[in-house]
C-alpha cells in the first residue's frame, strides 16, 4: 500500500509544479514607451515638411495647367495677329511639356514618400520592440516566469489570443515603469498634450 502511494505521489509531483504565467499588453507598452513618443514626434515633424513640399509641387502642377489653358485660349484670339497667336500656341505647348514633367515628378515623389514612410516605420518598430523585449526577458528571468503572453495579440481571424486573464497577472504597468524610468516627466507631458488635443477635438 505504501509503495502504491509513493508511486502515485511521484507521478503526480510534476503536475503540482504550477507554470508561472503572466500577461502583457505589448501595444500599450509600445505606444507609451518614451522612445516611441520621441520617434512619433520626429515622424510627425517630417510628415509636416513633406506635406508642405507636396502642396508646393501640386500648386506648381495646377499653375502650369492653368497657364497652358490660358495660353491656348489666347492663341485662338482673333484680335491678335497670326504671329502672336502662333507664339501663344508655342508657349502653350512648352507649358504642357513642363506640366507633364512636373506631374511625373509629383507622382514619383508621392510613391517614394509612401515607401520611405513604411520602411522607416517598420525599422523603428523593430528596433523599439527589441528594446522592450530585452526588458521583458530580464523581468521573466528575475521573477522566475515561465511564460509571457501578449494580451494584445490577435489570431488570423482577429480574435484575441488571450481570451481571459486575471488583472493580477498583467505586468504591463511594471514593464512600462521600467522602460520609462528617468523619463516620467516627458511621458506625462506628451500624454497631457494628447489628452488636450483629444478634448479640443471632441468639443
Protein backbone atom coordinates (compact mmCIF):
# COMPACT_ATOMS: atom_id res chain seq x y z
CA UNK A 1 0.00 0.00 0.00
CA UNK A 2 2.80 2.40 0.92
CA UNK A 3 4.60 1.52 -2.29
CA UNK A 4 1.50 2.27 -4.35
CA UNK A 5 1.02 5.60 -2.54
CA UNK A 6 4.66 6.56 -3.19
CA UNK A 7 4.29 5.77 -6.90
CA UNK A 8 1.08 7.83 -7.10
CA UNK A 9 2.74 10.82 -5.43
CA UNK A 10 5.80 10.50 -7.70
CA UNK A 11 3.62 10.52 -10.82
CA UNK A 12 1.53 13.47 -9.61
CA UNK A 13 4.52 15.53 -8.43
CA UNK A 14 5.26 17.28 -11.77
CA UNK A 15 1.60 18.31 -12.02
CA UNK A 16 1.81 20.18 -8.72
CA UNK A 17 4.56 22.43 -10.05
CA UNK A 18 2.41 25.26 -11.39
CA UNK A 19 3.54 27.10 -14.52
CA UNK A 20 4.32 30.75 -13.76
CA UNK A 21 2.39 32.70 -16.39
CA UNK A 22 2.00 36.47 -16.82
CA UNK A 23 0.42 38.67 -19.49
CA UNK A 24 1.46 41.93 -21.08
CA UNK A 25 -0.27 44.39 -23.40
CA UNK A 26 2.55 44.92 -25.86
CA UNK A 27 0.58 47.52 -27.85
CA UNK A 28 0.12 49.65 -24.74
CA UNK A 29 3.76 49.26 -23.74
CA UNK A 30 4.99 50.11 -27.23
CA UNK A 31 2.74 53.15 -27.68
CA UNK A 32 3.66 54.56 -24.26
CA UNK A 33 7.39 53.84 -24.42
CA UNK A 34 9.23 57.15 -24.18
CA UNK A 35 11.37 56.33 -27.22
CA UNK A 36 8.23 55.62 -29.25
CA UNK A 37 6.84 59.02 -28.23
CA UNK A 38 10.08 60.69 -29.31
CA UNK A 39 10.11 58.91 -32.68
CA UNK A 40 6.44 59.74 -33.24
CA UNK A 41 7.18 63.44 -32.74
CA UNK A 42 10.06 63.22 -35.22
CA UNK A 43 7.90 61.43 -37.77
CA UNK A 44 5.11 63.97 -37.32
CA UNK A 45 7.55 66.82 -37.95
CA UNK A 46 8.94 65.08 -41.04
CA UNK A 47 5.39 64.49 -42.26
CA UNK A 48 4.60 68.21 -41.96
CA UNK A 49 7.69 69.07 -44.01
CA UNK A 50 6.96 66.53 -46.74
CA UNK A 51 3.28 67.53 -46.90
CA UNK A 52 4.36 71.15 -47.31
CA UNK A 53 6.66 70.12 -50.16
CA UNK A 54 3.86 68.03 -51.67
CA UNK A 55 1.49 71.01 -51.64
CA UNK A 56 4.14 73.16 -53.35
CA UNK A 57 4.55 70.57 -56.11
CA UNK A 58 0.79 70.23 -56.53
CA UNK A 59 0.43 74.01 -56.76
CA UNK A 60 3.13 74.09 -59.43
CA UNK A 61 1.27 71.46 -61.50
CA UNK A 62 -2.03 73.35 -61.19
CA UNK A 63 -0.34 76.61 -62.19
CA UNK A 64 1.24 75.07 -65.28
CA UNK A 65 -2.09 73.55 -66.27
CA UNK A 66 -3.84 76.91 -65.86
CA UNK A 67 -1.06 78.70 -67.78
CA UNK A 68 -1.43 76.19 -70.60
CA UNK A 69 -5.19 76.68 -70.79
CA UNK A 70 -4.81 80.47 -70.71
CA UNK A 71 -2.22 80.46 -73.49
CA UNK A 72 -4.34 78.12 -75.61
CA UNK A 73 -7.31 80.46 -75.31
CA UNK A 74 -5.13 83.42 -76.19
CA UNK A 75 -3.72 81.54 -79.20
CA UNK A 76 -7.24 81.45 -80.63
CA UNK A 77 -7.96 85.14 -80.02
CA UNK A 78 -8.83 86.68 -83.42
CA UNK A 79 -7.82 90.12 -82.17
CA UNK A 80 -4.17 89.04 -82.06
CA UNK A 81 -2.02 88.84 -85.16
CA UNK A 82 -1.25 85.46 -86.67
CA UNK A 83 2.31 85.70 -85.46
CA UNK A 84 1.19 86.48 -81.93
CA UNK A 85 -1.27 83.58 -81.97
CA UNK A 86 1.43 81.22 -83.21
CA UNK A 87 3.74 82.37 -80.42
CA UNK A 88 0.98 81.83 -77.83
CA UNK A 89 0.44 78.31 -79.12
CA UNK A 90 4.14 77.54 -78.95
CA UNK A 91 4.24 78.92 -75.39
CA UNK A 92 1.23 76.75 -74.52
CA UNK A 93 2.97 73.63 -75.85
CA UNK A 94 6.03 74.47 -73.80
CA UNK A 95 3.84 74.83 -70.69
CA UNK A 96 2.21 71.48 -71.49
CA UNK A 97 5.61 69.79 -71.66
CA UNK A 98 6.70 71.46 -68.44
CA UNK A 99 3.42 70.48 -66.79
CA UNK A 100 3.78 66.83 -67.79
CA UNK A 101 7.29 66.75 -66.32
CA UNK A 102 6.07 68.38 -63.10
CA UNK A 103 3.19 65.88 -62.84
CA UNK A 104 5.59 62.99 -63.34
CA UNK A 105 7.86 64.33 -60.60
CA UNK A 106 4.85 64.73 -58.29
CA UNK A 107 3.75 61.10 -58.77
CA UNK A 108 7.32 59.86 -58.29
CA UNK A 109 7.62 61.92 -55.09
CA UNK A 110 4.33 60.53 -53.74
CA UNK A 111 5.28 56.92 -54.46
CA UNK A 112 8.73 57.23 -52.89
CA UNK A 113 7.31 59.12 -49.93
CA UNK A 114 4.95 56.27 -49.11
CA UNK A 115 7.62 53.60 -49.50
CA UNK A 116 10.09 55.51 -47.33
CA UNK A 117 7.47 56.14 -44.65
CA UNK A 118 6.51 52.45 -44.46
CA UNK A 119 10.14 51.32 -44.44
CA UNK A 120 11.15 53.81 -41.76
CA UNK A 121 8.18 52.95 -39.55
CA UNK A 122 8.98 49.23 -39.87
CA UNK A 123 12.64 49.79 -38.92
CA UNK A 124 11.75 51.94 -35.91
CA UNK A 125 9.11 49.47 -34.73
CA UNK A 126 11.55 46.56 -34.92
CA UNK A 127 14.23 48.48 -33.00
CA UNK A 128 11.92 49.66 -30.20
CA UNK A 129 10.22 46.27 -29.89
CA UNK A 130 13.67 44.73 -29.43
CA UNK A 131 14.33 47.17 -26.56
CA UNK A 132 11.07 46.21 -24.87
CA UNK A 133 11.72 42.51 -25.42
CA UNK A 134 15.02 42.75 -23.53
CA UNK A 135 13.27 44.30 -20.52
CA UNK A 136 10.52 41.67 -20.59
CA UNK A 137 13.09 38.86 -20.86
CA UNK A 138 15.03 40.19 -17.87
CA UNK A 139 11.82 40.56 -15.83
CA UNK A 140 10.86 36.97 -16.65
CA UNK A 141 14.28 35.62 -15.61
CA UNK A 142 14.47 37.73 -12.43
CA UNK A 143 10.95 36.71 -11.37
CA UNK A 144 11.18 33.07 -12.50
CA UNK A 145 8.38 33.48 -15.04
CA UNK A 146 7.87 30.51 -17.36
CA UNK A 147 5.57 32.08 -19.95
CA UNK A 148 4.70 35.63 -21.02
CA UNK A 149 1.56 36.06 -23.14
CA UNK A 150 0.82 39.14 -25.23
CA UNK A 151 -2.72 40.15 -24.25
CA UNK A 152 -2.94 42.49 -27.24
CA UNK A 153 -2.16 39.74 -29.76
CA UNK A 154 -4.82 38.56 -32.18
CA UNK A 155 -5.28 35.46 -34.31
CA UNK A 156 -5.58 35.48 -38.11
CA UNK A 157 -9.34 35.77 -37.57
CA UNK A 158 -8.93 38.90 -35.48
CA UNK A 159 -9.83 37.11 -32.24
CA UNK A 160 -7.87 37.91 -29.08
CA UNK A 161 -5.30 35.19 -28.41
CA UNK A 162 -5.74 35.66 -24.66
CA UNK A 163 -9.49 35.31 -24.08
CA UNK A 164 -9.34 35.86 -20.34
CA UNK A 165 -6.74 36.54 -17.69
CA UNK A 166 -6.77 37.98 -14.19
CA UNK A 167 -5.67 41.59 -13.85
CA UNK A 168 -3.14 40.45 -11.28
CA UNK A 169 -1.30 38.50 -14.00
CA UNK A 170 -0.58 41.63 -16.05
CA UNK A 171 2.94 43.04 -15.91
CA UNK A 172 2.15 45.85 -18.38
CA UNK A 173 2.47 48.69 -15.89
CA UNK A 174 5.57 47.16 -14.32
CA UNK A 175 7.34 46.95 -17.68
CA UNK A 176 6.26 50.49 -18.58
CA UNK A 177 7.70 51.74 -15.30
CA UNK A 178 11.00 50.04 -16.06
CA UNK A 179 11.42 51.19 -19.68
CA UNK A 180 10.33 54.76 -18.87
CA UNK A 181 12.41 55.13 -15.71
CA UNK A 182 14.00 58.57 -15.68
CA UNK A 183 11.69 59.84 -18.43
CA UNK A 184 8.43 60.02 -16.50
CA UNK A 185 8.08 63.81 -16.84
CA UNK A 186 8.49 63.65 -20.61
CA UNK A 187 5.93 60.83 -20.93
CA UNK A 188 3.43 62.68 -18.73
CA UNK A 189 3.93 65.85 -20.80
CA UNK A 190 3.19 64.02 -24.06
CA UNK A 191 0.19 62.25 -22.52
CA UNK A 192 -1.23 65.57 -21.30
CA UNK A 193 -0.71 67.11 -24.75
CA UNK A 194 -2.55 64.20 -26.37
CA UNK A 195 -5.40 64.48 -23.88
CA UNK A 196 -5.69 68.22 -24.52
CA UNK A 197 -5.83 67.61 -28.30
CA UNK A 198 -8.49 64.93 -27.84
CA UNK A 199 -10.58 67.15 -25.56
CA UNK A 200 -10.30 70.00 -28.06
CA UNK A 201 -11.37 67.77 -30.95
CA UNK A 202 -14.43 66.50 -29.09
CA UNK A 203 -15.71 69.98 -28.19
